[in-house]
Structures are given as C-alpha cells and as structure tokens.
Amino acid sequence: MAEEQEKDNTWLIAGVAIAAVIVLVVLLKQDETKHLASGAVSASNAEVDAKLSSKKTSNKTAQ
C-alpha cells in the first residue's frame, strides 16, 4: 500500500516569517522617522550651531 506523505510546509513558514520581518522593519522605520517631518531637528541644529559660534567668539582673551 502506498503511504500518504505529509506535506512539507518549511518553505511556507520561512516565507511568512521573512514577510513578517520585512513588514515590521518598514513599520518601525516609519515610526522612527516621524520626528523628522516636524522640522524640530533642523531647528535644534540651528540652535546648536548658533551656540557653538557664540562660544568660539566669546572664549577669546584680550591681550
């Protein structure tokens, strides 16, 4: 008698796992870059640059 072979779902499971990881990475990346759209980073960078340039000029000693 011919025995029925069990269907091998290894590739299906691997494919679903890979797709889930890709979806999670895309979702987390979107969440991570949300703050860039608000312009807060460029405002913060401008403030830091202004403070650094004022420190460079105010640290000079008079001789």
PDB file of N, CA and C in Angstrom:
ATOM      1  N   MET A   1       0.825  -1.182   0.000  1.00  0.00           N
ATOM      2  CA  MET A   1       0.000   0.000   0.000  1.00  0.00           C
ATOM      3  C   MET A   1       0.873   1.251   0.000  1.00  0.00           C
ATOM      4  N   ALA A   2       0.401   2.233  -0.684  1.00  0.00           N
ATOM      5  CA  ALA A   2       1.128   3.495  -0.755  1.00  0.00           C
ATOM      6  C   ALA A   2       0.784   4.331   0.475  1.00  0.00           C
ATOM      7  N   GLU A   3       1.837   4.778   1.132  1.00  0.00           N
ATOM      8  CA  GLU A   3       1.608   5.630   2.305  1.00  0.00           C
ATOM      9  C   GLU A   3       1.483   7.082   1.874  1.00  0.00           C
ATOM     10  N   GLU A   4       0.625   7.798   2.548  1.00  0.00           N
ATOM     11  CA  GLU A   4       0.439   9.212   2.240  1.00  0.00           C
ATOM     12  C   GLU A   4       1.568  10.013   2.861  1.00  0.00           C
ATOM     13  N   GLN A   5       2.205  10.864   2.078  1.00  0.00           N
ATOM     14  CA  GLN A   5       3.295  11.674   2.595  1.00  0.00           C
ATOM     15  C   GLN A   5       2.729  12.956   3.193  1.00  0.00           C
ATOM     16  N   GLU A   6       3.355  13.361   4.303  1.00  0.00           N
ATOM     17  CA  GLU A   6       2.948  14.612   4.931  1.00  0.00           C
ATOM     18  C   GLU A   6       3.461  15.777   4.098  1.00  0.00           C
ATOM     19  N   LYS A   7       2.647  16.817   3.957  1.00  0.00           N
ATOM     20  CA  LYS A   7       3.057  17.970   3.178  1.00  0.00           C
ATOM     21  C   LYS A   7       4.096  18.758   3.968  1.00  0.00           C
ATOM     22  N   ASP A   8       5.186  19.129   3.298  1.00  0.00           N
ATOM     23  CA  ASP A   8       6.265  19.864   3.943  1.00  0.00           C
ATOM     24  C   ASP A   8       5.980  21.359   3.829  1.00  0.00           C
ATOM     25  N   ASN A   9       5.755  22.014   4.967  1.00  0.00           N
ATOM     26  CA  ASN A   9       5.420  23.434   4.994  1.00  0.00           C
ATOM     27  C   ASN A   9       6.614  24.306   5.386  1.00  0.00           C
ATOM     28  N   THR A  10       7.819  23.790   5.294  1.00  0.00           N
ATOM     29  CA  THR A  10       9.001  24.523   5.718  1.00  0.00           C
ATOM     30  C   THR A  10       9.169  25.824   4.934  1.00  0.00           C
ATOM     31  N   TRP A  11       9.042  25.752   3.600  1.00  0.00           N
ATOM     32  CA  TRP A  11       9.230  26.945   2.775  1.00  0.00           C
ATOM     33  C   TRP A  11       8.110  27.956   2.989  1.00  0.00           C
ATOM     34  N   LEU A  12       6.914  27.476   3.244  1.00  0.00           N
ATOM     35  CA  LEU A  12       5.798  28.370   3.517  1.00  0.00           C
ATOM     36  C   LEU A  12       6.026  29.126   4.822  1.00  0.00           C
ATOM     37  N   ILE A  13       6.468  28.415   5.847  1.00  0.00           N
ATOM     38  CA  ILE A  13       6.739  29.045   7.149  1.00  0.00           C
ATOM     39  C   ILE A  13       7.886  30.045   7.024  1.00  0.00           C
ATOM     40  N   ALA A  14       8.930  29.679   6.305  1.00  0.00           N
ATOM     41  CA  ALA A  14      10.065  30.581   6.117  1.00  0.00           C
ATOM     42  C   ALA A  14       9.638  31.839   5.350  1.00  0.00           C
ATOM     43  N   GLY A  15       8.818  31.685   4.338  1.00  0.00           N
ATOM     44  CA  GLY A  15       8.336  32.817   3.558  1.00  0.00           C
ATOM     45  C   GLY A  15       7.475  33.760   4.387  1.00  0.00           C
ATOM     46  N   VAL A  16       6.601  33.208   5.202  1.00  0.00           N
ATOM     47  CA  VAL A  16       5.746  34.024   6.058  1.00  0.00           C
ATOM     48  C   VAL A  16       6.596  34.759   7.096  1.00  0.00           C
ATOM     49  N   ALA A  17       7.594  34.105   7.647  1.00  0.00           N
ATOM     50  CA  ALA A  17       8.462  34.735   8.638  1.00  0.00           C
ATOM     51  C   ALA A  17       9.251  35.883   8.011  1.00  0.00           C
ATOM     52  N   ILE A  18       9.784  35.688   6.814  1.00  0.00           N
ATOM     53  CA  ILE A  18      10.532  36.734   6.127  1.00  0.00           C
ATOM     54  C   ILE A  18       9.625  37.920   5.810  1.00  0.00           C
ATOM     55  N   ALA A  19       8.415  37.649   5.339  1.00  0.00           N
ATOM     56  CA  ALA A  19       7.470  38.731   5.023  1.00  0.00           C
ATOM     57  C   ALA A  19       7.104  39.506   6.286  1.00  0.00           C
ATOM     58  N   ALA A  20       6.913  38.808   7.398  1.00  0.00           N
ATOM     59  CA  ALA A  20       6.574  39.477   8.657  1.00  0.00           C
ATOM     60  C   ALA A  20       7.712  40.374   9.119  1.00  0.00           C
ATOM     61  N   VAL A  21       8.940  39.926   8.982  1.00  0.00           N
ATOM     62  CA  VAL A  21      10.092  40.736   9.384  1.00  0.00           C
ATOM     63  C   VAL A  21      10.187  41.988   8.513  1.00  0.00           C
ATOM     64  N   ILE A  22       9.970  41.846   7.222  1.00  0.00           N
ATOM     65  CA  ILE A  22      10.029  42.998   6.320  1.00  0.00           C
ATOM     66  C   ILE A  22       8.949  44.015   6.673  1.00  0.00           C
ATOM     67  N   VAL A  23       7.741  43.538   6.945  1.00  0.00           N
ATOM     68  CA  VAL A  23       6.650  44.444   7.314  1.00  0.00           C
ATOM     69  C   VAL A  23       6.968  45.154   8.627  1.00  0.00           C
ATOM     70  N   LEU A  24       7.492  44.447   9.601  1.00  0.00           N
ATOM     71  CA  LEU A  24       7.830  45.066  10.879  1.00  0.00           C
ATOM     72  C   LEU A  24       8.924  46.117  10.725  1.00  0.00           C
ATOM     73  N   VAL A  25       9.923  45.842   9.921  1.00  0.00           N
ATOM     74  CA  VAL A  25      11.008  46.808   9.704  1.00  0.00           C
ATOM     75  C   VAL A  25      10.470  48.073   9.054  1.00  0.00           C
ATOM     76  N   VAL A  26       9.605  47.925   8.066  1.00  0.00           N
ATOM     77  CA  VAL A  26       9.038  49.093   7.389  1.00  0.00           C
ATOM     78  C   VAL A  26       8.192  49.910   8.361  1.00  0.00           C
ATOM     79  N   LEU A  27       7.371  49.250   9.170  1.00  0.00           N
ATOM     80  CA  LEU A  27       6.528  49.969  10.129  1.00  0.00           C
ATOM     81  C   LEU A  27       7.363  50.687  11.188  1.00  0.00           C
ATOM     82  N   LEU A  28       8.380  50.041  11.694  1.00  0.00           N
ATOM     83  CA  LEU A  28       9.224  50.671  12.703  1.00  0.00           C
ATOM     84  C   LEU A  28      10.036  51.819  12.116  1.00  0.00           C
ATOM     85  N   LYS A  29      10.463  51.691  10.876  1.00  0.00           N
ATOM     86  CA  LYS A  29      11.226  52.755  10.227  1.00  0.00           C
ATOM     87  C   LYS A  29      10.348  53.987  10.029  1.00  0.00           C
ATOM     88  N   GLN A  30       9.089  53.789   9.667  1.00  0.00           N
ATOM     89  CA  GLN A  30       8.170  54.921   9.514  1.00  0.00           C
ATOM     90  C   GLN A  30       7.964  55.619  10.850  1.00  0.00           C
ATOM     91  N   ASP A  31       7.849  54.849  11.908  1.00  0.00           N
ATOM     92  CA  ASP A  31       7.641  55.421  13.234  1.00  0.00           C
ATOM     93  C   ASP A  31       8.889  56.167  13.698  1.00  0.00           C
ATOM     94  N   GLU A  32      10.052  55.662  13.330  1.00  0.00           N
ATOM     95  CA  GLU A  32      11.314  56.260  13.753  1.00  0.00           C
ATOM     96  C   GLU A  32      11.556  57.605  13.075  1.00  0.00           C
ATOM     97  N   THR A  33      11.104  57.761  11.849  1.00  0.00           N
ATOM     98  CA  THR A  33      11.372  58.986  11.100  1.00  0.00           C
ATOM     99  C   THR A  33      10.227  59.992  11.170  1.00  0.00           C
ATOM    100  N   LYS A  34       9.241  59.778  12.017  1.00  0.00           N
ATOM    101  CA  LYS A  34       8.128  60.715  12.156  1.00  0.00           C
ATOM    102  C   LYS A  34       8.599  62.086  12.633  1.00  0.00           C
ATOM    103  N   HIS A  35       9.556  62.115  13.530  1.00  0.00           N
ATOM    104  CA  HIS A  35      10.012  63.378  14.100  1.00  0.00           C
ATOM    105  C   HIS A  35      10.728  64.253  13.078  1.00  0.00           C
ATOM    106  N   LEU A  36      11.212  63.685  12.001  1.00  0.00           N
ATOM    107  CA  LEU A  36      11.924  64.465  11.002  1.00  0.00           C
ATOM    108  C   LEU A  36      10.977  65.379  10.220  1.00  0.00           C
ATOM    109  N   ALA A  37       9.721  65.000  10.095  1.00  0.00           N
ATOM    110  CA  ALA A  37       8.759  65.784   9.329  1.00  0.00           C
ATOM    111  C   ALA A  37       8.361  67.064  10.053  1.00  0.00           C
ATOM    112  N   SER A  38       8.521  67.117  11.357  1.00  0.00           N
ATOM    113  CA  SER A  38       8.062  68.278  12.114  1.00  0.00           C
ATOM    114  C   SER A  38       9.019  69.458  12.022  1.00  0.00           C
ATOM    115  N   GLY A  39      10.240  69.263  11.585  1.00  0.00           N
ATOM    116  CA  GLY A  39      11.195  70.347  11.482  1.00  0.00           C
ATOM    117  C   GLY A  39      11.925  70.622  12.787  1.00  0.00           C
ATOM    118  N   ALA A  40      11.686  69.821  13.794  1.00  0.00           N
ATOM    119  CA  ALA A  40      12.327  70.041  15.090  1.00  0.00           C
ATOM    120  C   ALA A  40      13.830  69.803  15.017  1.00  0.00           C
ATOM    121  N   VAL A  41      14.236  68.884  14.181  1.00  0.00           N
ATOM    122  CA  VAL A  41      15.662  68.562  14.079  1.00  0.00           C
ATOM    123  C   VAL A  41      16.431  69.738  13.485  1.00  0.00           C
ATOM    124  N   SER A  42      15.891  70.340  12.429  1.00  0.00           N
ATOM    125  CA  SER A  42      16.604  71.468  11.813  1.00  0.00           C
ATOM    126  C   SER A  42      16.630  72.668  12.744  1.00  0.00           C
ATOM    127  N   ALA A  43      15.558  72.872  13.516  1.00  0.00           N
ATOM    128  CA  ALA A  43      15.541  73.978  14.478  1.00  0.00           C
ATOM    129  C   ALA A  43      16.565  73.741  15.579  1.00  0.00           C
ATOM    130  N   SER A  44      16.670  72.499  16.025  1.00  0.00           N
ATOM    131  CA  SER A  44      17.640  72.155  17.063  1.00  0.00           C
ATOM    132  C   SER A  44      19.065  72.320  16.545  1.00  0.00           C
ATOM    133  N   ASN A  45      19.303  71.901  15.317  1.00  0.00           N
ATOM    134  CA  ASN A  45      20.634  72.048  14.730  1.00  0.00           C
ATOM    135  C   ASN A  45      21.016  73.518  14.589  1.00  0.00           C
ATOM    136  N   ALA A  46      20.066  74.355  14.203  1.00  0.00           N
ATOM    137  CA  ALA A  46      20.345  75.784  14.065  1.00  0.00           C
ATOM    138  C   ALA A  46      20.681  76.392  15.421  1.00  0.00           C
ATOM    139  N   GLU A  47      19.966  75.967  16.454  1.00  0.00           N
ATOM    140  CA  GLU A  47      20.226  76.481  17.800  1.00  0.00           C
ATOM    141  C   GLU A  47      21.613  76.067  18.294  1.00  0.00           C
ATOM    142  N   VAL A  48      21.967  74.821  18.060  1.00  0.00           N
ATOM    143  CA  VAL A  48      23.283  74.332  18.475  1.00  0.00           C
ATOM    144  C   VAL A  48      24.386  75.072  17.723  1.00  0.00           C
ATOM    145  N   ASP A  49      24.204  75.266  16.428  1.00  0.00           N
ATOM    146  CA  ASP A  49      25.206  75.985  15.636  1.00  0.00           C
ATOM    147  C   ASP A  49      25.380  77.412  16.143  1.00  0.00           C
ATOM    148  N   ALA A  50      24.276  78.062  16.485  1.00  0.00           N
ATOM    149  CA  ALA A  50      24.355  79.435  16.991  1.00  0.00           C
ATOM    150  C   ALA A  50      25.107  79.483  18.316  1.00  0.00           C
ATOM    151  N   LYS A  51      24.831  78.523  19.183  1.00  0.00           N
ATOM    152  CA  LYS A  51      25.518  78.487  20.481  1.00  0.00           C
ATOM    153  C   LYS A  51      27.001  78.194  20.316  1.00  0.00           C
ATOM    154  N   LEU A  52      27.328  77.297  19.400  1.00  0.00           N
ATOM    155  CA  LEU A  52      28.742  76.972  19.176  1.00  0.00           C
ATOM    156  C   LEU A  52      29.496  78.160  18.597  1.00  0.00           C
ATOM    157  N   SER A  53      28.886  78.873  17.685  1.00  0.00           N
ATOM    158  CA  SER A  53      29.586  80.020  17.093  1.00  0.00           C
ATOM    159  C   SER A  53      29.746  81.143  18.109  1.00  0.00           C
ATOM    160  N   SER A  54      28.775  81.304  19.017  1.00  0.00           N
ATOM    161  CA  SER A  54      28.933  82.345  20.034  1.00  0.00           C
ATOM    162  C   SER A  54      29.984  81.948  21.059  1.00  0.00           C
ATOM    163  N   LYS A  55      30.124  80.658  21.344  1.00  0.00           N
ATOM    164  CA  LYS A  55      31.164  80.203  22.272  1.00  0.00           C
ATOM    165  C   LYS A  55      32.542  80.422  21.690  1.00  0.00           C
ATOM    166  N   LYS A  56      32.701  80.197  20.400  1.00  0.00           N
ATOM    167  CA  LYS A  56      34.004  80.368  19.767  1.00  0.00           C
ATOM    168  C   LYS A  56      34.455  81.808  19.846  1.00  0.00           C
ATOM    169  N   THR A  57      33.527  82.736  19.711  1.00  0.00           N
ATOM    170  CA  THR A  57      33.916  84.139  19.721  1.00  0.00           C
ATOM    171  C   THR A  57      34.063  84.679  21.141  1.00  0.00           C
ATOM    172  N   SER A  58      33.333  84.132  22.089  1.00  0.00           N
ATOM    173  CA  SER A  58      33.378  84.680  23.450  1.00  0.00           C
ATOM    174  C   SER A  58      34.532  84.111  24.286  1.00  0.00           C
ATOM    175  N   ASN A  59      35.205  83.098  23.822  1.00  0.00           N
ATOM    176  CA  ASN A  59      36.306  82.500  24.573  1.00  0.00           C
ATOM    177  C   ASN A  59      37.658  83.176  24.310  1.00  0.00           C
ATOM    178  N   LYS A  60      37.683  84.135  23.435  1.00  0.00           N
ATOM    179  CA  LYS A  60      38.947  84.805  23.125  1.00  0.00           C
ATOM    180  C   LYS A  60      39.311  85.727  24.278  1.00  0.00           C
ATOM    181  N   THR A  61      40.565  85.713  24.649  1.00  0.00           N
ATOM    182  CA  THR A  61      41.026  86.562  25.751  1.00  0.00           C
ATOM    183  C   THR A  61      41.678  87.814  25.189  1.00  0.00           C
ATOM    184  N   ALA A  62      41.491  88.917  25.888  1.00  0.00           N
ATOM    185  CA  ALA A  62      42.082  90.182  25.453  1.00  0.00           C
ATOM    186  C   ALA A  62      43.537  90.235  25.923  1.00  0.00           C
ATOM    187  N   GLN A  63      44.417  90.619  25.043  1.00  0.00           N
ATOM    188  CA  GLN A  63      45.827  90.681  25.409  1.00  0.00           C
ATOM    189  C   GLN A  63      46.368  92.068  25.259  1.00  0.00           C
TER     190      GLN A  63
END
